[in-house]
Amino acid sequence: MIPARTVEEQERPSEWLRALRETKGAYADLLRESGEVVVAAYRVALARCRASERSSTIPTAREVRAATREVLGDTTPLPPVTAVVEDCAHAGLLVIA
């Protein structure tokens, strides 16, 4: 289950994403608040979906995987898409496979 999201995350996803990128320690805070990497990455992917021209409420597994890179940084290897799908399912997060 996705943790309670901030008003900014829900209503102004572009601003929330920008704040994540620009605020030192924001990704660490997001990870701590989310409890799991897949949940933090899902939140970032969902915000990206909502902020895009073709707004969506369900990210793809590839979008969650890409968001993992943003959350963890460049030094951590990305999990395979199949692992992302399984981790999302285990966390109760709906993704498009």
C-alpha atoms as a PDB file:
ATOM      1  CA  MET A   1       0.000   0.000   0.000  1.00  0.00           C
ATOM      2  CA  ILE A   2       1.309   3.419  -0.921  1.00  0.00           C
ATOM      3  CA  PRO A   3       1.952   5.623   2.136  1.00  0.00           C
ATOM      4  CA  ALA A   4       0.023   8.828   2.702  1.00  0.00           C
ATOM      5  CA  ARG A   5       1.161  11.345   0.121  1.00  0.00           C
ATOM      6  CA  THR A   6       1.605  15.053   0.605  1.00  0.00           C
ATOM      7  CA  VAL A   7      -0.796  17.539  -0.925  1.00  0.00           C
ATOM      8  CA  GLU A   8       2.006  18.756  -3.187  1.00  0.00           C
ATOM      9  CA  GLU A   9       2.723  15.193  -4.358  1.00  0.00           C
ATOM     10  CA  GLN A  10      -0.953  14.649  -5.183  1.00  0.00           C
ATOM     11  CA  GLU A  11      -1.980  18.028  -6.549  1.00  0.00           C
ATOM     12  CA  ARG A  12       1.266  19.496  -7.911  1.00  0.00           C
ATOM     13  CA  PRO A  13       3.403  16.518  -8.931  1.00  0.00           C
ATOM     14  CA  SER A  14       5.772  18.589 -11.105  1.00  0.00           C
ATOM     15  CA  GLU A  15       6.632  20.821  -8.163  1.00  0.00           C
ATOM     16  CA  TRP A  16       7.040  17.822  -5.864  1.00  0.00           C
ATOM     17  CA  LEU A  17       9.404  16.131  -8.324  1.00  0.00           C
ATOM     18  CA  ARG A  18      11.424  19.331  -8.692  1.00  0.00           C
ATOM     19  CA  ALA A  19      11.690  19.647  -4.909  1.00  0.00           C
ATOM     20  CA  LEU A  20      12.959  16.052  -4.725  1.00  0.00           C
ATOM     21  CA  ARG A  21      15.689  16.823  -7.252  1.00  0.00           C
ATOM     22  CA  GLU A  22      16.683  20.147  -5.716  1.00  0.00           C
ATOM     23  CA  THR A  23      16.526  19.401  -1.982  1.00  0.00           C
ATOM     24  CA  LYS A  24      19.523  17.733  -0.385  1.00  0.00           C
ATOM     25  CA  GLY A  25      18.511  14.515   1.348  1.00  0.00           C
ATOM     26  CA  ALA A  26      15.006  14.485  -0.153  1.00  0.00           C
ATOM     27  CA  TYR A  27      15.423  11.043  -1.732  1.00  0.00           C
ATOM     28  CA  ALA A  28      16.724   9.613   1.554  1.00  0.00           C
ATOM     29  CA  ASP A  29      13.684  11.101   3.305  1.00  0.00           C
ATOM     30  CA  LEU A  30      11.395   9.634   0.646  1.00  0.00           C
ATOM     31  CA  LEU A  31      12.978   6.193   1.090  1.00  0.00           C
ATOM     32  CA  ARG A  32      12.625   6.370   4.853  1.00  0.00           C
ATOM     33  CA  GLU A  33       9.009   7.535   4.630  1.00  0.00           C
ATOM     34  CA  SER A  34       8.104   4.932   1.998  1.00  0.00           C
ATOM     35  CA  GLY A  35       9.738   2.041   3.816  1.00  0.00           C
ATOM     36  CA  GLU A  36      10.758   0.185   0.637  1.00  0.00           C
ATOM     37  CA  VAL A  37      12.671   1.147  -2.483  1.00  0.00           C
ATOM     38  CA  VAL A  38       9.880  -0.078  -4.750  1.00  0.00           C
ATOM     39  CA  VAL A  39       7.321   2.094  -2.936  1.00  0.00           C
ATOM     40  CA  ALA A  40       9.540   5.190  -3.165  1.00  0.00           C
ATOM     41  CA  ALA A  41      10.195   4.526  -6.857  1.00  0.00           C
ATOM     42  CA  TYR A  42       6.491   3.922  -7.462  1.00  0.00           C
ATOM     43  CA  ARG A  43       5.667   7.300  -5.904  1.00  0.00           C
ATOM     44  CA  VAL A  44       8.168   9.033  -8.187  1.00  0.00           C
ATOM     45  CA  ALA A  45       6.897   7.161 -11.255  1.00  0.00           C
ATOM     46  CA  LEU A  46       3.284   7.929 -10.373  1.00  0.00           C
ATOM     47  CA  ALA A  47       4.076  11.624  -9.943  1.00  0.00           C
ATOM     48  CA  ARG A  48       5.809  11.609 -13.330  1.00  0.00           C
ATOM     49  CA  CYS A  49       2.738   9.981 -14.878  1.00  0.00           C
ATOM     50  CA  ARG A  50       0.418  12.533 -13.351  1.00  0.00           C
ATOM     51  CA  ALA A  51       2.645  15.430 -14.464  1.00  0.00           C
ATOM     52  CA  SER A  52       2.953  14.264 -18.074  1.00  0.00           C
ATOM     53  CA  GLU A  53       0.951  15.539 -21.020  1.00  0.00           C
ATOM     54  CA  ARG A  54      -0.911  12.235 -21.133  1.00  0.00           C
ATOM     55  CA  SER A  55      -1.744  12.049 -17.452  1.00  0.00           C
ATOM     56  CA  SER A  56      -2.087   8.546 -16.069  1.00  0.00           C
ATOM     57  CA  THR A  57      -2.813   7.052 -12.666  1.00  0.00           C
ATOM     58  CA  ILE A  58      -0.951   3.774 -13.199  1.00  0.00           C
ATOM     59  CA  PRO A  59       2.757   3.718 -14.057  1.00  0.00           C
ATOM     60  CA  THR A  60       4.379   0.998 -16.112  1.00  0.00           C
ATOM     61  CA  ALA A  61       6.912  -1.372 -14.575  1.00  0.00           C
ATOM     62  CA  ARG A  62       9.567   0.246 -16.775  1.00  0.00           C
ATOM     63  CA  GLU A  63       8.670   3.684 -15.394  1.00  0.00           C
ATOM     64  CA  VAL A  64       8.982   2.375 -11.833  1.00  0.00           C
ATOM     65  CA  ARG A  65      12.310   0.774 -12.753  1.00  0.00           C
ATOM     66  CA  ALA A  66      13.572   4.093 -14.176  1.00  0.00           C
ATOM     67  CA  ALA A  67      12.397   5.910 -11.058  1.00  0.00           C
ATOM     68  CA  THR A  68      14.465   3.456  -9.010  1.00  0.00           C
ATOM     69  CA  ARG A  69      17.560   4.920 -10.664  1.00  0.00           C
ATOM     70  CA  GLU A  70      16.517   8.399  -9.605  1.00  0.00           C
ATOM     71  CA  VAL A  71      15.781   7.319  -6.024  1.00  0.00           C
ATOM     72  CA  LEU A  72      18.933   5.222  -5.530  1.00  0.00           C
ATOM     73  CA  GLY A  73      21.361   7.091  -7.766  1.00  0.00           C
ATOM     74  CA  ASP A  74      23.671   5.873 -10.500  1.00  0.00           C
ATOM     75  CA  THR A  75      25.797   3.505  -8.421  1.00  0.00           C
ATOM     76  CA  THR A  76      23.154   0.869  -7.697  1.00  0.00           C
ATOM     77  CA  PRO A  77      22.279  -1.642 -10.432  1.00  0.00           C
ATOM     78  CA  LEU A  78      18.668  -1.582 -11.559  1.00  0.00           C
ATOM     79  CA  PRO A  79      16.497  -4.624 -10.881  1.00  0.00           C
ATOM     80  CA  PRO A  80      15.051  -6.495 -13.860  1.00  0.00           C
ATOM     81  CA  VAL A  81      11.554  -5.433 -14.932  1.00  0.00           C
ATOM     82  CA  THR A  82      10.164  -8.801 -13.796  1.00  0.00           C
ATOM     83  CA  ALA A  83      11.489  -8.150 -10.282  1.00  0.00           C
ATOM     84  CA  VAL A  84       9.869  -4.703 -10.283  1.00  0.00           C
ATOM     85  CA  VAL A  85       6.522  -6.252 -11.266  1.00  0.00           C
ATOM     86  CA  GLU A  86       6.832  -8.838  -8.474  1.00  0.00           C
ATOM     87  CA  ASP A  87       7.915  -6.253  -5.882  1.00  0.00           C
ATOM     88  CA  CYS A  88       5.030  -3.950  -6.814  1.00  0.00           C
ATOM     89  CA  ALA A  89       2.542  -6.812  -6.600  1.00  0.00           C
ATOM     90  CA  HIS A  90       3.922  -7.814  -3.205  1.00  0.00           C
ATOM     91  CA  ALA A  91       3.559  -4.193  -2.015  1.00  0.00           C
ATOM     92  CA  GLY A  92       0.012  -3.979  -3.403  1.00  0.00           C
ATOM     93  CA  LEU A  93       0.954  -1.434  -6.060  1.00  0.00           C
ATOM     94  CA  LEU A  94      -0.748  -1.615  -9.442  1.00  0.00           C
ATOM     95  CA  VAL A  95       1.600  -1.351 -12.447  1.00  0.00           C
ATOM     96  CA  ILE A  96       1.256  -1.969 -16.145  1.00  0.00           C
ATOM     97  CA  ALA A  97       3.598  -4.854 -16.975  1.00  0.00           C
END
